Protein backbone atom coordinates (compact mmCIF):
# COMPACT_ATOMS: atom_id res chain seq x y z
CA MET A 1 5.31 -12.34 -21.93
CA SER A 2 2.06 -10.46 -22.25
CA GLU A 3 0.29 -10.20 -25.61
CA GLU A 4 1.20 -6.51 -25.72
CA GLU A 5 4.89 -7.21 -25.07
CA TYR A 6 4.89 -9.99 -27.66
CA ALA A 7 3.29 -7.70 -30.25
CA ALA A 8 5.87 -4.99 -29.52
CA LEU A 9 8.73 -7.49 -29.89
CA ARG A 10 7.24 -8.81 -33.11
CA ASN A 11 6.89 -5.28 -34.52
CA ASP A 12 10.50 -4.52 -33.60
CA ILE A 13 11.74 -7.70 -35.25
CA GLU A 14 9.68 -6.96 -38.38
CA ARG A 15 11.33 -3.52 -38.61
CA ASN A 16 14.88 -4.35 -37.54
CA GLY A 17 15.30 -8.10 -37.74
CA ILE A 18 16.67 -10.10 -34.83
CA LEU A 19 19.60 -8.18 -33.43
CA VAL A 20 20.38 -10.32 -30.38
CA PRO A 21 21.60 -13.82 -31.25
CA VAL A 22 19.61 -16.77 -29.96
CA LEU A 23 21.73 -18.76 -27.51
CA VAL A 24 21.74 -22.50 -28.25
CA ASP A 25 23.79 -25.37 -26.92
CA GLN A 26 25.94 -27.63 -29.09
CA HIS A 27 22.88 -29.83 -29.70
CA GLY A 28 20.80 -26.92 -31.01
CA ARG A 29 18.59 -26.65 -27.91
CA ILE A 30 17.54 -23.06 -27.21
CA LEU A 31 18.95 -21.74 -23.93
CA ASP A 32 17.84 -18.14 -24.48
CA GLY A 33 15.62 -16.62 -27.16
CA HIS A 34 12.48 -18.75 -27.39
CA HIS A 35 10.25 -15.78 -28.26
CA ARG A 36 12.69 -14.49 -30.88
CA VAL A 37 12.74 -17.92 -32.56
CA LYS A 38 8.94 -18.17 -32.50
CA ILE A 39 8.58 -14.74 -34.09
CA ALA A 40 11.30 -15.45 -36.67
CA ASN A 41 9.47 -18.63 -37.65
CA GLU A 42 6.16 -16.74 -37.88
CA LEU A 43 7.79 -14.12 -40.11
CA GLY A 44 9.80 -16.65 -42.11
CA ILE A 45 13.13 -14.93 -41.40
CA ASP A 46 16.51 -16.23 -40.32
CA TYR A 47 17.98 -15.35 -36.96
CA PRO A 48 21.53 -15.20 -35.63
CA ARG A 49 22.64 -17.99 -33.28
CA GLU A 50 25.38 -18.19 -30.71
CA VAL A 51 26.47 -21.67 -29.64
CA ARG A 52 27.40 -22.33 -26.01
CA GLU A 53 29.07 -25.64 -25.20
CA VAL A 54 27.52 -27.22 -22.12
CA ALA A 55 28.60 -30.40 -20.34
CA ASP A 56 25.11 -31.72 -19.64
CA ASP A 57 21.45 -30.84 -19.12
CA ASN A 58 22.17 -29.43 -15.67
CA GLU A 59 24.69 -26.96 -17.05
CA ALA A 60 22.27 -25.99 -19.82
CA HIS A 61 19.61 -25.34 -17.19
CA ASP A 62 22.07 -23.35 -15.07
CA VAL A 63 23.06 -21.14 -18.02
CA ALA A 64 19.43 -20.42 -18.90
CA LEU A 65 18.51 -19.78 -15.26
CA THR A 66 21.44 -17.43 -14.64
CA LEU A 67 20.67 -15.42 -17.78
CA ASN A 68 17.08 -15.10 -16.64
CA MET A 69 17.80 -14.19 -13.03
CA VAL A 70 20.20 -11.33 -13.72
CA ARG A 71 17.52 -9.34 -15.43
CA ARG A 72 16.31 -6.48 -13.31
CA HIS A 73 12.64 -6.40 -14.30
CA LEU A 74 11.63 -9.31 -12.06
CA ASN A 75 9.86 -8.38 -8.88
CA ARG A 76 10.73 -9.94 -5.52
CA GLU A 77 8.01 -12.59 -5.72
CA GLN A 78 8.99 -13.65 -9.24
CA LYS A 79 12.64 -14.05 -8.24
CA ARG A 80 11.65 -16.05 -5.19
CA ALA A 81 9.43 -18.30 -7.33
CA LEU A 82 12.42 -19.05 -9.57
CA ILE A 83 14.61 -19.71 -6.51
CA ARG A 84 11.97 -22.06 -5.11
CA ALA A 85 11.80 -23.95 -8.40
CA GLU A 86 15.60 -24.30 -8.32
CA ILE A 87 15.46 -25.55 -4.70
CA GLU A 88 12.88 -28.13 -5.79
CA ARG A 89 15.01 -29.14 -8.79
CA THR A 90 18.19 -29.53 -6.72
CA PRO A 91 17.11 -30.01 -3.08
CA ASP A 92 20.54 -31.26 -1.96
CA ALA A 93 22.40 -28.20 -3.28
CA VAL A 94 23.70 -25.81 -0.64
CA ASP A 95 22.26 -22.30 -0.50
CA SER A 96 25.46 -20.69 -1.80
CA GLU A 97 25.39 -22.88 -4.94
CA ILE A 98 21.75 -22.06 -5.67
CA ALA A 99 22.54 -18.40 -4.97
CA ARG A 100 25.32 -18.47 -7.57
CA ARG A 101 23.05 -20.04 -10.17
CA THR A 102 20.19 -17.65 -9.46
CA ALA A 103 22.32 -14.50 -9.09
CA SER A 104 20.90 -13.94 -5.62
CA ALA A 105 22.17 -13.87 -2.06
CA ALA A 106 22.59 -17.10 -0.08
CA THR A 107 20.50 -15.52 2.69
CA THR A 108 17.64 -15.05 0.21
CA VAL A 109 17.89 -18.69 -0.85
CA GLY A 110 17.87 -19.68 2.83
CA ALA A 111 14.78 -17.59 3.47
CA VAL A 112 12.99 -19.19 0.53
CA ARG A 113 14.13 -22.65 1.64
CA ARG A 114 12.74 -22.04 5.15
CA ARG A 115 9.37 -21.14 3.64
CA VAL A 116 9.40 -24.41 1.72
CA SER A 117 8.92 -26.66 4.72
CA ASN A 118 8.19 -29.74 2.63
CA LEU A 119 10.01 -30.03 -0.70
CA ASP A 120 7.45 -32.57 -1.84
CA THR A 121 4.85 -29.79 -1.95
CA PRO A 122 4.56 -28.78 -5.60
CA LEU A 123 4.19 -25.19 -6.72
CA SER A 124 0.62 -23.93 -6.65
CA ASP A 125 -1.10 -22.99 -9.91
CA GLU A 126 -0.63 -19.34 -8.96
CA GLU A 127 3.10 -19.86 -8.32
CA ARG A 128 3.51 -21.76 -11.61
CA GLU A 129 1.73 -18.95 -13.45
CA GLU A 130 3.93 -16.40 -11.71
CA LEU A 131 7.01 -18.45 -12.61
CA ALA A 132 5.97 -18.66 -16.27
CA ASP A 133 5.37 -14.89 -16.31
CA ALA A 134 8.77 -14.29 -14.72
CA GLU A 135 10.48 -16.48 -17.29
CA ALA A 136 8.78 -14.59 -20.13
CA ARG A 137 9.76 -11.22 -18.65
CA ILE A 138 13.31 -12.48 -18.21
CA GLU A 139 13.48 -13.32 -21.90
CA ARG A 140 12.48 -9.76 -22.85
CA ALA A 141 14.85 -8.23 -20.32
CA ASN A 142 17.75 -10.18 -21.78
CA GLU A 143 16.93 -8.71 -25.16
CA ILE A 144 16.88 -5.20 -23.68
CA VAL A 145 20.20 -5.78 -21.91
CA GLU A 146 21.80 -6.95 -25.14
CA GLU A 147 20.41 -3.93 -26.98
CA ALA A 148 21.82 -1.66 -24.30
CA ARG A 149 25.21 -3.31 -24.57
CA ARG A 150 25.22 -2.56 -28.29
CA GLY A 151 24.62 1.16 -27.73
CA ASP A 152 26.71 3.43 -29.95
CA GLY A 153 28.88 4.70 -27.08
CA ASN A 154 32.11 2.89 -26.16
CA CYS A 155 31.08 2.98 -22.52
CA CYS A 156 28.48 0.28 -23.14
CA ARG A 157 31.15 -2.21 -24.12
CA SER A 158 32.49 -2.33 -20.59
CA TRP A 159 29.11 -2.28 -18.84
CA THR A 160 28.15 -5.40 -16.90
CA LEU A 161 24.89 -6.54 -15.36
CA SER A 162 26.32 -6.14 -11.86
CA ALA A 163 27.04 -2.43 -12.29
CA PRO A 164 24.83 0.48 -13.31
CA MET A 165 25.20 1.67 -16.88
CA PRO A 166 27.67 4.57 -17.09
CA THR A 167 26.32 8.11 -17.29
CA GLY A 168 26.09 9.38 -20.85
CA CYS A 169 25.84 5.93 -22.41
CA VAL A 170 23.55 5.91 -25.44
CA THR A 171 21.16 2.98 -25.66
CA PRO A 172 18.33 2.20 -28.08
CA GLU A 173 15.83 1.71 -25.25
CA ARG A 174 16.67 4.56 -22.87
CA GLY A 175 18.46 7.17 -24.95
CA VAL A 176 21.29 8.87 -23.08
CA THR A 177 21.57 7.63 -19.49
CA GLY A 178 21.97 10.24 -16.83
């Protein structure tokens, strides 16, 4: 998250509090909402939490990754960097499994896998920086998605990430969608 984005999030939280619950596992580990927690701690305010039961560390990682990948603000390179990191984390997983976890197409995973000719080759500094930036942007996008879901129109209650928001839905970020 850029300094400007962080400052905007902090200002919003100062004005409105934390509206989107921080997602934690049953052990209290943060799965989604790291920036919200950091800002809440800086401001000395409480924040809502939602607990998600996970079987193990792999499931916790999968939940966090899936939440991050479904956000639409990532560019092609950022998504591919996340897919590559997942291929490196689970090199024996089939493309369709990685595609499910990363909310992408199996053909995209295959294309990324083909580019990674040697899985022992670590990410470059540039790729790691791009990955960190993508993860930060994903965090903010999740907050925006949750805000949109809480819009004051009933249509937002049925909206999912896989479908465009219905016309006429009122959201805090975009006003009335058209």
